[in-house]
């Protein structure tokens, strides 16, 4: 039985983000973007940010 590949976290901002853009305040809550290796775009992003399939195999 194979274990699933660990999540590839592309961006993680757990505390949220607050930007003051010349008086326009933008608040964003917690942000977490994951790349799903099963999808075409997710696989591409995961290979660029977390390494390819070989890197995922080494982590397990």
Protein backbone atom coordinates (compact mmCIF):
# COMPACT_ATOMS: atom_id res chain seq x y z
CA UNK A 1 0.00 0.00 0.00
CA UNK A 2 1.40 3.38 -0.97
CA UNK A 3 1.15 6.45 1.21
CA UNK A 4 -0.19 9.62 -0.37
CA UNK A 5 2.29 12.37 -1.18
CA UNK A 6 2.45 15.10 1.46
CA UNK A 7 0.68 18.38 0.76
CA UNK A 8 2.68 20.84 -1.28
CA UNK A 9 2.12 24.17 0.44
CA UNK A 10 2.72 26.94 -2.08
CA UNK A 11 1.75 29.85 0.19
CA UNK A 12 0.86 29.86 3.88
CA UNK A 13 -0.07 33.04 5.77
CA UNK A 14 -1.73 31.77 8.97
CA UNK A 15 -1.99 35.18 10.68
CA UNK A 16 -3.64 36.84 7.71
CA UNK A 17 -2.47 39.94 5.91
CA UNK A 18 -3.21 43.64 6.32
CA UNK A 19 -2.22 46.09 3.62
CA UNK A 20 -2.56 49.86 3.74
CA UNK A 21 -2.43 51.03 0.13
CA UNK A 22 -2.44 54.84 0.26
CA UNK A 23 -5.37 54.91 2.66
CA UNK A 24 -7.20 51.90 1.24
CA UNK A 25 -6.94 49.19 3.90
CA UNK A 26 -7.22 45.61 2.71
CA UNK A 27 -7.45 42.82 5.30
CA UNK A 28 -7.23 39.19 4.27
CA UNK A 29 -7.78 36.35 6.73
CA UNK A 30 -5.67 33.22 6.91
CA UNK A 31 -4.47 32.12 3.48
CA UNK A 32 -3.27 28.64 2.54
CA UNK A 33 -2.74 27.57 -1.06
CA UNK A 34 -2.00 23.92 -1.74
CA UNK A 35 -0.98 22.31 -5.02
CA UNK A 36 -2.82 19.07 -5.81
CA UNK A 37 -0.50 16.80 -7.76
CA UNK A 38 -3.48 15.00 -9.32
CA UNK A 39 -4.47 18.01 -11.44
CA UNK A 40 -2.53 19.39 -14.40
CA UNK A 41 -1.97 22.89 -13.00
CA UNK A 42 -1.43 21.61 -9.46
CA UNK A 43 1.15 19.11 -10.68
CA UNK A 44 3.00 21.85 -12.58
CA UNK A 45 2.99 24.21 -9.58
CA UNK A 46 4.03 21.40 -7.20
CA UNK A 47 6.92 20.40 -9.45
CA UNK A 48 8.14 24.00 -9.59
CA UNK A 49 7.78 24.78 -5.88
CA UNK A 50 8.09 21.46 -4.06
CA UNK A 51 10.13 19.42 -6.50
CA UNK A 52 9.01 16.77 -8.95
CA UNK A 53 7.72 13.27 -8.40
CA UNK A 54 11.15 12.12 -7.21
CA UNK A 55 11.10 14.78 -4.46
CA UNK A 56 7.67 13.65 -3.32
CA UNK A 57 8.91 10.05 -3.20
CA UNK A 58 11.93 11.06 -1.08
CA UNK A 59 9.69 12.78 1.51
CA UNK A 60 7.73 9.60 2.25
